[in-house]
Protein backbone atom coordinates (compact mmCIF):
# COMPACT_ATOMS: atom_id res chain seq x y z
CA UNK A 1 336.69 63.85 105.93
CA UNK A 2 335.02 65.20 109.04
CA UNK A 3 332.13 66.74 107.08
CA UNK A 4 331.54 63.55 105.09
CA UNK A 5 331.33 61.44 108.31
CA UNK A 6 329.13 63.94 110.17
CA UNK A 7 326.22 63.92 107.69
CA UNK A 8 325.56 60.12 107.77
CA UNK A 9 325.77 60.26 111.58
CA UNK A 10 323.04 62.91 111.69
CA UNK A 11 320.83 60.89 109.34
CA UNK A 12 321.38 57.75 111.37
CA UNK A 13 320.42 59.61 114.57
CA UNK A 14 317.16 60.87 113.00
CA UNK A 15 316.26 57.39 111.81
CA UNK A 16 316.92 56.03 115.28
CA UNK A 17 314.65 58.62 116.83
CA UNK A 18 311.93 57.68 114.37
CA UNK A 19 312.19 53.96 115.12
CA UNK A 20 312.86 54.04 118.87
CA UNK A 21 310.50 56.88 119.91
CA UNK A 22 310.91 60.35 121.34
CA UNK A 23 311.06 60.62 125.15
CA UNK A 24 309.18 63.35 127.05
CA UNK A 25 306.76 64.11 124.20
CA UNK A 26 304.63 67.20 124.74
CA UNK A 27 302.04 68.97 122.63
CA UNK A 28 301.39 72.51 123.75
CA UNK A 29 297.70 73.56 123.89
CA UNK A 30 296.45 75.88 121.22
CA UNK A 31 293.97 78.61 122.22
CA UNK A 32 290.32 78.05 121.15
CA UNK A 33 290.49 74.25 120.86
CA UNK A 34 288.02 73.02 123.51
CA UNK A 35 286.94 70.01 121.44
CA UNK A 36 290.47 69.06 120.45
CA UNK A 37 292.33 66.29 122.28
CA UNK A 38 295.83 67.40 123.18
CA UNK A 39 298.70 65.03 123.87
CA UNK A 40 300.48 66.33 126.94
CA UNK A 41 302.95 63.58 127.68
CA UNK A 42 304.22 60.10 126.78
CA UNK A 43 307.51 58.42 127.62
CA UNK A 44 307.80 57.23 124.03
CA UNK A 45 306.06 57.68 120.69
CA UNK A 46 306.36 55.61 117.53
CA UNK A 47 304.83 55.91 114.10
CA UNK A 48 305.43 54.61 110.59
CA UNK A 49 308.24 56.48 108.91
CA UNK A 50 306.41 56.76 105.61
CA UNK A 51 303.38 58.22 107.43
CA UNK A 52 301.03 55.59 105.93
CA UNK A 53 299.54 54.86 109.41
CA UNK A 54 296.91 57.35 110.69
CA UNK A 55 297.80 56.97 114.37
CA UNK A 56 300.70 57.29 116.76
CA UNK A 57 301.61 54.66 119.29
CA UNK A 58 302.27 56.03 122.77
CA UNK A 59 303.85 54.24 125.73
CA UNK A 60 304.54 55.10 129.34
CA UNK A 61 302.69 57.62 131.51
CA UNK A 62 300.52 58.78 128.67
CA UNK A 63 298.54 61.93 129.35
CA UNK A 64 295.90 63.72 127.24
CA UNK A 65 293.70 66.72 127.81
CA UNK A 66 290.36 67.55 126.28
CA UNK A 67 289.15 70.92 127.58
CA UNK A 68 289.07 70.45 131.39
CA UNK A 69 289.15 66.63 131.23
CA UNK A 70 292.50 64.87 131.67
CA UNK A 71 293.01 61.28 130.47
CA UNK A 72 295.78 58.93 131.62
CA UNK A 73 296.85 55.43 130.58
CA UNK A 74 299.83 53.09 130.16
CA UNK A 75 299.64 53.06 126.36
CA UNK A 76 297.48 54.46 123.59
CA UNK A 77 296.78 54.81 119.90
CA UNK A 78 296.35 58.49 119.13
CA UNK A 79 294.38 59.38 115.97
CA UNK A 80 295.27 63.03 115.90
CA UNK A 81 293.54 63.73 112.59
CA UNK A 82 290.23 62.30 113.88
CA UNK A 83 290.76 63.79 117.34
CA UNK A 84 290.28 60.27 118.78
CA UNK A 85 292.25 57.78 120.82
CA UNK A 86 292.33 54.22 122.17
CA UNK A 87 293.82 53.93 125.66
CA UNK A 88 294.93 50.77 127.50
CA UNK A 89 296.05 49.90 130.99
CA UNK A 90 295.33 51.86 134.17
CA UNK A 91 292.96 54.15 132.32
CA UNK A 92 291.92 57.20 134.32
CA UNK A 93 289.90 60.29 133.50
CA UNK A 94 289.92 63.32 135.80
CA UNK A 95 287.97 66.54 135.79
CA UNK A 96 288.92 68.91 138.58
CA UNK A 97 288.72 67.37 142.03
CA UNK A 98 285.14 66.09 141.66
CA UNK A 99 285.07 63.55 138.81
CA UNK A 100 287.25 60.46 138.42
CA UNK A 101 286.62 57.59 135.97
CA UNK A 102 288.65 54.37 135.96
CA UNK A 103 288.75 51.38 133.60
CA UNK A 104 290.97 48.95 131.73
CA UNK A 105 290.24 50.30 128.23
CA UNK A 106 289.10 53.66 126.83
CA UNK A 107 287.88 54.43 123.32
CA UNK A 108 287.35 58.13 122.71
CA UNK A 109 285.47 59.29 119.59
CA UNK A 110 286.32 62.92 118.91
CA UNK A 111 283.46 63.40 116.43
CA UNK A 112 280.74 62.53 118.97
CA UNK A 113 282.90 63.50 121.98
CA UNK A 114 282.03 60.14 123.52
CA UNK A 115 284.31 58.20 125.87
CA UNK A 116 283.71 54.44 126.00
CA UNK A 117 285.27 52.69 128.98
CA UNK A 118 285.36 48.91 129.35
CA UNK A 119 286.15 46.39 132.10
CA UNK A 120 286.33 47.19 135.81
CA UNK A 121 284.87 50.63 135.31
CA UNK A 122 284.36 53.04 138.22
CA UNK A 123 283.06 56.59 137.95
CA UNK A 124 283.42 58.65 141.15
CA UNK A 125 281.65 61.99 141.52
CA UNK A 126 282.18 63.27 145.06
CA UNK A 127 280.22 60.82 147.31
CA UNK A 128 278.70 58.91 144.36
CA UNK A 129 280.35 55.89 142.75
CA UNK A 130 279.16 54.11 139.61
CA UNK A 131 280.30 50.51 138.96
CA UNK A 132 280.00 48.65 135.63
CA UNK A 133 282.00 46.82 132.98
CA UNK A 134 280.78 49.02 130.10
CA UNK A 135 280.34 52.77 130.49
CA UNK A 136 279.82 55.41 127.86
CA UNK A 137 280.51 58.97 128.97
CA UNK A 138 279.11 61.87 126.93
CA UNK A 139 281.63 64.68 127.37
CA UNK A 140 279.24 67.27 125.93
CA UNK A 141 276.31 66.54 128.25
CA UNK A 142 278.50 65.21 131.08
CA UNK A 143 276.37 62.08 131.36
CA UNK A 144 277.65 58.55 131.91
CA UNK A 145 275.51 55.53 131.12
CA UNK A 146 275.80 51.76 131.24
CA UNK A 147 273.68 49.20 129.37
CA UNK A 148 274.81 45.69 130.38
CA UNK A 149 274.31 46.00 134.12
CA UNK A 150 275.76 48.26 136.76
CA UNK A 151 275.22 50.03 140.05
CA UNK A 152 275.39 53.48 141.61
CA UNK A 153 276.24 53.88 145.29
CA UNK A 154 275.99 56.97 147.49
CA UNK A 155 276.04 57.49 151.28
CA UNK A 156 272.37 56.42 151.59
CA UNK A 157 271.54 53.89 148.90
CA UNK A 158 272.80 51.38 146.37
CA UNK A 159 270.97 51.21 143.04
CA UNK A 160 271.39 48.29 140.63
CA UNK A 161 269.87 47.93 137.14
CA UNK A 162 270.45 46.62 133.63
CA UNK A 163 270.55 50.15 132.18
CA UNK A 164 271.49 53.29 134.03
CA UNK A 165 272.70 56.79 133.43
CA UNK A 166 274.08 59.52 135.66
CA UNK A 167 274.56 63.25 135.13
CA UNK A 168 277.55 64.71 136.95
CA UNK A 169 276.04 68.20 136.60
CA UNK A 170 272.41 67.73 137.73
CA UNK A 171 273.11 64.63 139.90
CA UNK A 172 270.09 62.98 138.26
CA UNK A 173 270.24 59.25 137.61
CA UNK A 174 267.90 57.13 135.48
CA UNK A 175 267.55 53.36 135.84
CA UNK A 176 265.68 50.85 133.67
CA UNK A 177 264.99 47.11 133.79
CA UNK A 178 265.27 45.08 137.00
CA UNK A 179 265.95 48.13 139.14
CA UNK A 180 266.79 47.50 142.82
CA UNK A 181 267.40 50.31 145.32
CA UNK A 182 268.78 49.00 148.62
CA UNK A 183 268.58 51.08 151.80
CA UNK A 184 269.41 49.86 155.30
CA UNK A 185 265.68 49.99 156.16
CA UNK A 186 263.99 48.86 152.91
CA UNK A 187 264.45 47.72 149.33
CA UNK A 188 262.76 49.25 146.25
CA UNK A 189 262.09 47.10 143.19
CA UNK A 190 261.04 48.89 140.02
CA UNK A 191 261.01 48.77 136.24
CA UNK A 192 261.92 52.44 135.81
CA UNK A 193 263.35 54.73 138.48
CA UNK A 194 264.81 58.24 138.53
CA UNK A 195 267.03 59.22 141.44
CA UNK A 196 268.84 62.40 142.48
CA UNK A 197 271.99 61.78 144.49
CA UNK A 198 271.89 65.27 146.05
CA UNK A 199 268.33 65.35 147.38
CA UNK A 200 268.03 61.53 147.58
CA UNK A 201 264.53 61.39 146.03
CA UNK A 202 263.47 58.37 143.97
CA UNK A 203 260.82 58.82 141.27
CA UNK A 204 259.03 55.56 140.43
CA UNK A 205 257.46 54.72 137.07
CA UNK A 206 255.80 51.45 136.21
CA UNK A 207 255.16 48.55 138.62
CA UNK A 208 257.23 49.16 141.76
CA UNK A 209 257.46 47.54 145.19
CA UNK A 210 258.99 48.93 148.40
CA UNK A 211 259.68 46.20 150.96
CA UNK A 212 260.61 46.71 154.63
CA UNK A 213 260.23 44.81 157.88
CA UNK A 214 257.12 46.82 158.80
CA UNK A 215 255.24 46.98 155.49
CA UNK A 216 255.20 46.60 151.72
CA UNK A 217 254.20 49.35 149.27
CA UNK A 218 252.92 48.75 145.72
CA UNK A 219 252.75 51.61 143.24
CA UNK A 220 253.08 52.43 139.54
CA UNK A 221 253.68 56.16 139.88
CA UNK A 222 255.10 58.32 142.65
CA UNK A 223 258.18 59.47 144.53
CA UNK A 224 260.03 58.34 147.65
CA UNK A 225 262.36 60.67 149.58
CA UNK A 226 265.10 58.41 150.97
CA UNK A 227 266.40 61.26 153.16
CA UNK A 228 263.16 61.90 155.05
CA UNK A 229 261.50 58.53 154.34
CA UNK A 230 258.39 60.29 153.02
CA UNK A 231 256.53 59.24 149.87
CA UNK A 232 253.75 60.50 147.62
CA UNK A 233 252.22 57.69 145.58
CA UNK A 234 249.61 57.99 142.82
CA UNK A 235 247.35 55.79 140.70
CA UNK A 236 245.75 53.52 143.35
CA UNK A 237 248.88 52.65 145.27
CA UNK A 238 248.75 50.21 148.21
CA UNK A 239 250.38 50.22 151.64
CA UNK A 240 250.35 46.75 153.23
CA UNK A 241 251.25 46.37 156.90
CA UNK A 242 250.66 43.62 159.43
CA UNK A 243 247.29 42.24 158.29
CA UNK A 244 246.24 45.69 157.07
CA UNK A 245 246.15 47.22 153.59
CA UNK A 246 245.60 50.93 152.82
CA UNK A 247 244.69 51.98 149.26
CA UNK A 248 243.79 55.33 147.70
CA UNK A 249 243.93 57.24 144.44
CA UNK A 250 246.77 59.15 146.13
CA UNK A 251 248.78 57.95 149.13
CA UNK A 252 251.11 59.97 151.34
CA UNK A 253 253.41 57.94 153.60
CA UNK A 254 255.83 58.93 156.37
CA UNK A 255 257.89 55.91 157.43
CA UNK A 256 259.36 57.53 160.54
CA UNK A 257 255.90 58.38 161.90
CA UNK A 258 254.34 55.18 160.55
CA UNK A 259 251.68 57.37 158.96
CA UNK A 260 249.82 56.54 155.75
CA UNK A 261 247.27 59.03 154.36
CA UNK A 262 244.84 58.28 151.52
CA UNK A 263 243.01 60.78 149.30
CA UNK A 264 239.99 59.86 147.16
CA UNK A 265 238.51 56.35 147.20
CA UNK A 266 240.34 55.38 150.38
CA UNK A 267 240.10 51.66 151.17
CA UNK A 268 241.56 50.01 154.27
CA UNK A 269 241.18 46.31 155.00
CA UNK A 270 241.99 44.87 158.44
CA UNK A 271 241.99 41.09 158.04
CA UNK A 272 242.70 40.52 161.74
CA UNK A 273 239.52 42.38 162.73
CA UNK A 274 237.56 41.31 159.62
CA UNK A 275 236.89 45.00 158.88
CA UNK A 276 237.00 47.11 155.71
CA UNK A 277 236.91 50.90 156.09
CA UNK A 278 236.23 53.27 153.19
CA UNK A 279 236.00 57.01 152.57
CA UNK A 280 237.19 59.78 150.30
CA UNK A 281 239.81 60.67 152.89
CA UNK A 282 241.46 58.59 155.58
CA UNK A 283 244.70 57.63 157.26
CA UNK A 284 246.34 54.79 159.15
CA UNK A 285 249.13 55.00 161.74
CA UNK A 286 250.98 51.70 161.91
CA UNK A 287 252.83 52.70 165.10
CA UNK A 288 249.68 53.47 167.12
CA UNK A 289 247.32 51.23 165.10
CA UNK A 290 244.95 54.17 164.56
CA UNK A 291 242.62 54.30 161.54
CA UNK A 292 240.44 57.23 160.42
CA UNK A 293 237.98 57.72 157.54
CA UNK A 294 235.58 60.48 156.53
CA UNK A 295 233.67 61.86 153.52
CA UNK A 296 231.25 59.11 152.43
CA UNK A 297 232.83 56.90 155.09
CA UNK A 298 231.73 53.28 155.41
CA UNK A 299 232.90 50.34 157.50
CA UNK A 300 232.12 46.72 156.69
CA UNK A 301 232.44 43.91 159.23
CA UNK A 302 232.67 40.52 157.49
CA UNK A 303 233.50 38.05 160.25
CA UNK A 304 230.28 36.15 159.54
CA UNK A 305 228.31 35.20 156.45
CA UNK A 306 226.12 38.32 156.57
CA UNK A 307 228.32 41.43 156.36
CA UNK A 308 227.50 44.47 158.49
CA UNK A 309 227.59 47.77 156.53
CA UNK A 310 227.79 51.02 158.50
CA UNK A 311 228.02 54.65 157.37
CA UNK A 312 228.81 57.79 159.37
CA UNK A 313 230.37 61.16 158.70
CA UNK A 314 233.50 60.10 160.60
CA UNK A 315 234.83 56.63 161.43
CA UNK A 316 237.84 55.76 163.56
CA UNK A 317 239.43 52.64 164.97
CA UNK A 318 242.21 52.58 167.58
CA UNK A 319 243.66 50.80 170.61
CA UNK A 320 243.04 52.57 173.94
CA UNK A 321 245.18 52.62 177.09
CA UNK A 322 243.77 49.25 178.17
CA UNK A 323 244.96 47.70 174.90
CA UNK A 324 241.37 47.40 173.81
CA UNK A 325 240.32 47.83 170.21
CA UNK A 326 237.77 50.66 169.88
CA UNK A 327 235.62 51.56 166.87
CA UNK A 328 233.81 54.90 166.92
CA UNK A 329 231.35 56.43 164.45
CA UNK A 330 230.14 60.03 164.61
CA UNK A 331 227.26 61.97 163.10
CA UNK A 332 224.48 60.35 161.13
CA UNK A 333 225.27 56.70 161.85
CA UNK A 334 223.31 54.21 159.73
CA UNK A 335 224.00 50.48 159.54
CA UNK A 336 222.54 47.50 157.73
CA UNK A 337 222.80 43.76 158.13
CA UNK A 338 220.27 41.23 156.91
CA UNK A 339 219.06 40.49 160.43
CA UNK A 340 219.44 43.96 162.02
CA UNK A 341 219.41 47.63 161.00
CA UNK A 342 219.89 50.80 163.01
CA UNK A 343 220.39 54.56 163.10
CA UNK A 344 221.79 56.92 165.75
CA UNK A 345 223.95 60.02 166.04
CA UNK A 346 227.08 58.28 167.36
CA UNK A 347 228.28 54.79 168.14
CA UNK A 348 231.13 52.98 169.91
CA UNK A 349 232.26 49.35 169.76
CA UNK A 350 234.62 47.88 172.39
CA UNK A 351 236.41 44.70 171.38
CA UNK A 352 237.31 43.74 174.97
CA UNK A 353 233.73 42.98 176.01
CA UNK A 354 232.34 42.89 172.44
CA UNK A 355 229.79 45.62 173.15
CA UNK A 356 228.33 48.15 170.75
CA UNK A 357 226.72 51.27 172.23
CA UNK A 358 224.43 53.61 170.26
CA UNK A 359 223.97 57.19 171.50
CA UNK A 360 221.49 60.03 170.81
CA UNK A 361 218.09 58.90 169.47
CA UNK A 362 219.19 55.37 168.61
CA UNK A 363 216.69 53.17 166.76
CA UNK A 364 217.08 49.47 165.85
CA UNK A 365 215.02 47.13 163.71
CA UNK A 366 214.99 43.37 163.34
CA UNK A 367 212.32 41.91 161.09
CA UNK A 368 209.03 43.53 162.13
CA UNK A 369 210.42 44.69 165.47
CA UNK A 370 211.63 48.19 166.34
CA UNK A 371 213.27 49.41 169.53
CA UNK A 372 214.60 52.77 170.73
CA UNK A 373 215.57 54.67 173.89
CA UNK A 374 218.14 57.15 175.15
CA UNK A 375 220.92 54.57 174.74
CA UNK A 376 221.08 51.10 173.16
CA UNK A 377 223.84 48.69 174.10
CA UNK A 378 224.38 45.47 172.14
CA UNK A 379 226.43 42.52 173.40
CA UNK A 380 227.89 40.14 170.82
CA UNK A 381 229.01 36.54 170.83
CA UNK A 382 231.10 35.55 167.79
CA UNK A 383 229.72 38.54 165.84
CA UNK A 384 226.15 37.47 166.61
CA UNK A 385 223.95 39.61 168.90
CA UNK A 386 223.70 37.86 172.27
CA UNK A 387 221.59 40.49 174.06
CA UNK A 388 220.50 44.12 173.85
CA UNK A 389 220.14 46.64 176.67
CA UNK A 390 217.98 49.75 176.10
CA UNK A 391 218.35 52.44 178.76
CA UNK A 392 215.90 55.24 179.70
CA UNK A 393 212.76 56.28 177.82
CA UNK A 394 212.64 52.88 176.19
CA UNK A 395 210.10 51.78 173.63
CA UNK A 396 209.69 48.57 171.66
CA UNK A 397 207.17 47.76 168.97
CA UNK A 398 206.33 44.93 166.59
CA UNK A 399 204.27 45.42 163.47
CA UNK A 400 201.42 42.88 163.51
CA UNK A 401 199.90 43.84 160.18
CA UNK A 402 197.90 46.73 158.77
CA UNK A 403 197.81 49.48 161.41
CA UNK A 404 198.40 47.24 164.43
CA UNK A 405 201.60 47.37 166.52
CA UNK A 406 202.45 45.56 169.74
CA UNK A 407 204.11 48.14 172.01
CA UNK A 408 206.09 48.28 175.25
CA UNK A 409 207.18 51.31 177.26
CA UNK A 410 209.45 51.18 180.30
CA UNK A 411 212.52 52.57 181.98
CA UNK A 412 214.73 49.71 180.85
CA UNK A 413 214.51 46.90 178.32
CA UNK A 414 216.74 43.85 177.97
CA UNK A 415 216.36 41.56 174.99
CA UNK A 416 218.05 38.15 174.66
CA UNK A 417 218.82 36.37 171.39
CA UNK A 418 219.51 32.84 170.23
CA UNK A 419 221.03 32.70 166.80
CA UNK A 420 219.41 35.55 164.91
CA UNK A 421 216.11 35.41 166.79
CA UNK A 422 214.93 37.32 169.85
CA UNK A 423 213.80 34.82 172.52
CA UNK A 424 213.21 36.93 175.66
CA UNK A 425 212.32 40.54 176.43
CA UNK A 426 212.65 41.83 179.99
CA UNK A 427 211.15 45.25 180.74
CA UNK A 428 211.30 47.04 184.09
CA UNK A 429 210.12 50.35 185.59
CA UNK A 430 206.66 51.73 184.84
CA UNK A 431 205.93 49.15 182.19
CA UNK A 432 203.00 49.91 179.90
CA UNK A 433 201.99 47.58 177.07
CA UNK A 434 199.66 47.24 174.13
CA UNK A 435 199.23 43.80 172.55
CA UNK A 436 197.00 42.44 169.81
CA UNK A 437 196.15 38.79 170.54
CA UNK A 438 195.78 36.61 167.44
CA UNK A 439 193.99 33.43 166.50
CA UNK A 440 195.90 30.51 165.02
CA UNK A 441 195.18 31.92 161.56
CA UNK A 442 196.76 35.27 162.62
CA UNK A 443 193.38 37.00 162.90
CA UNK A 444 193.56 39.83 165.46
CA UNK A 445 190.81 39.50 168.05
CA UNK A 446 191.25 42.76 169.93
CA UNK A 447 193.74 44.88 171.87
CA UNK A 448 195.05 44.27 175.40
CA UNK A 449 196.36 47.27 177.35
CA UNK A 450 198.17 46.77 180.67
CA UNK A 451 200.68 48.27 183.07
CA UNK A 452 202.93 46.78 185.75
CA UNK A 453 206.38 47.16 187.29
CA UNK A 454 207.97 44.25 185.43
CA UNK A 455 207.31 42.35 182.23
CA UNK A 456 208.89 39.27 180.62
CA UNK A 457 207.94 38.18 177.12
CA UNK A 458 209.01 34.80 175.72
CA UNK A 459 209.16 34.52 171.93
CA UNK A 460 209.54 31.81 169.33
CA UNK A 461 210.19 32.58 165.68
CA UNK A 462 209.63 36.25 166.51
CA UNK A 463 206.14 35.49 167.85
CA UNK A 464 205.09 35.94 171.49
CA UNK A 465 204.43 32.61 173.18
CA UNK A 466 204.19 33.70 176.79
CA UNK A 467 203.93 36.95 178.78
CA UNK A 468 204.53 37.38 182.52
CA UNK A 469 203.83 40.66 184.38
CA UNK A 470 204.28 41.36 188.12
CA UNK A 471 203.87 42.18 190.98
CA UNK A 472 200.51 43.86 190.39
CA UNK A 473 198.94 44.18 186.98
CA UNK A 474 196.28 46.47 185.61
CA UNK A 475 194.85 45.62 182.25
CA UNK A 476 191.90 45.95 179.92
CA UNK A 477 190.82 44.20 176.74
CA UNK A 478 189.33 46.31 173.91
CA UNK A 479 187.37 44.89 170.99
CA UNK A 480 188.57 46.16 167.63
CA UNK A 481 185.48 48.28 167.05
CA UNK A 482 186.26 50.37 170.15
CA UNK A 483 189.80 51.30 169.13
CA UNK A 484 190.72 54.90 168.44
CA UNK A 485 193.86 57.01 168.27
CA UNK A 486 193.88 57.46 172.05
CA UNK A 487 193.90 53.75 172.77
CA UNK A 488 195.93 52.26 169.88
CA UNK A 489 199.24 54.01 170.60
CA UNK A 490 201.31 54.56 173.73
CA UNK A 491 202.67 58.01 174.51
CA UNK A 492 206.16 57.23 173.18
CA UNK A 493 204.98 55.53 170.02
CA UNK A 494 206.83 56.45 166.82
CA UNK A 495 207.40 54.05 163.92
CA UNK A 496 210.58 55.27 162.23
CA UNK A 497 210.06 53.31 159.03
CA UNK A 498 211.36 56.11 156.81
CA UNK A 499 214.68 56.16 158.66
CA UNK A 500 215.31 52.44 158.35
CA UNK A 501 218.15 51.40 155.99
CA UNK A 502 216.85 48.95 153.40
CA UNK A 503 220.14 47.63 151.98
CA UNK A 504 223.91 48.15 152.09
CA UNK A 505 223.76 51.16 149.76
CA UNK A 506 220.80 52.78 151.51
CA UNK A 507 223.04 53.51 154.51
CA UNK A 508 224.28 56.59 152.63
CA UNK A 509 220.76 58.00 152.34
CA UNK A 510 219.94 60.75 154.83
CA UNK A 511 216.17 60.81 155.37
CA UNK A 512 214.62 64.25 155.54
CA UNK A 513 213.17 63.58 158.97
CA UNK A 514 216.21 61.94 160.50
CA UNK A 515 217.34 65.02 162.37
CA UNK A 516 214.93 67.83 161.55
CA UNK A 517 211.59 66.25 162.49
CA UNK A 518 210.66 65.97 166.18
CA UNK A 519 209.16 62.85 167.72
CA UNK A 520 205.76 64.50 168.04
CA UNK A 521 205.79 65.53 164.38
CA UNK A 522 206.71 61.95 163.47
CA UNK A 523 203.80 60.65 165.56
CA UNK A 524 201.38 62.99 163.81
CA UNK A 525 202.71 61.91 160.41
CA UNK A 526 202.25 58.24 161.31
CA UNK A 527 198.72 58.73 162.62
CA UNK A 528 197.78 60.72 159.54
CA UNK A 529 198.98 57.84 157.40
CA UNK A 530 196.73 55.52 159.40
CA UNK A 531 193.75 57.92 159.04
CA UNK A 532 193.23 57.93 162.81
């Protein structure tokens, strides 16, 4: 009797275990099964008694291991044959003490070794956290990626995009579509961005904008180091500050120093000063408001209808200790405006008193008039020349036609303008003159040579209307037939026609005689041309 009762009891117990589950289930790891998912624990396990189902149902503190990755959940379907599983509730994946992934649901495909996590997903890799509702994690390449929106946050930045991926090995992240990187000092908007969470460098591809309180940067190709706040930007990027814009084929920018540097085809526009500065190299410091350009450098002043174009080897603009804007040009200065042209070795413009000073063999032209001396100082009123002051060894001339030039020598010349026309010339100190009086039909009647201590000339439409000399005057009138090379030109006479810029592009021309030919050689050349 005892044996007969014992056998049904054993069968009943086995059936109960099959139906109710087996507590403390464990599957011991087998050597050499890195790709295999191992069931380490579940509070209960159920499966179909006739084995028609291809999965086991696990409940309570479920734990799996795949190589060095551990997976936890409240319940799961385990497809042991396919090496796959579906996990639900408090899903967690752990790899060592550096990688943690959380979600509500996990689908793991053993064939592709791909973990798909859904809803309230977080992936934490040391100081980096990824947030999304849909994350796929490639357990071969150790790369997680989202595709319906997400963000990655580290100790410096937050990056948001429609698509993103992150490598837990290389720390490289890739973002696409509506990318926004937010830093406490600026925000980067881009279409495509690569970012490394270790070195904190962002690589920008496609139209990108970097916005801060101090400036805005536009680029389509380059990198930005969010640790050092330094950037290298390619493909005609633009740096826009307060009423200034710096452009170049390549831009280097240091935010902490406020320093922007442009290489090749540099272009800086200052709308507040109505100035454009160009060159093949230049920089702008937004903290000190200092601008520099060289190598085919040119500055354009466009505050009035007729733009002033000026070229020099080196151009710079800055604010001095008196808070005065200063523009300086060095070596081979040449400028052109419709109403005035000039050349000199160096030049300085002071915004405070709106004065422009030309140094070292300065020469200026306006219409048929030419003036030079040791130094020329121009005073402006609303970007229009108000007066000119020529200091030491001064000379002024006006071409009257053919080989005839009105000429003035003196120690100092002051010229006064109304509009674009010279109305008064004041000359002082050993004044010597040559003038060619004209009939009403512009016929020259002779030459008048005189000298005095002071001379005032009143003009109208660039023609002399009145001349006053004092206190004592010596003069002589010569008929045209008595003129010769000794009487037609004063000792300082040189007509620098070859040096004169003829248009805005001619400012880049460097005449052969601009620096190499002496004044005396220029005089001989001129007289030879006149056959005198």
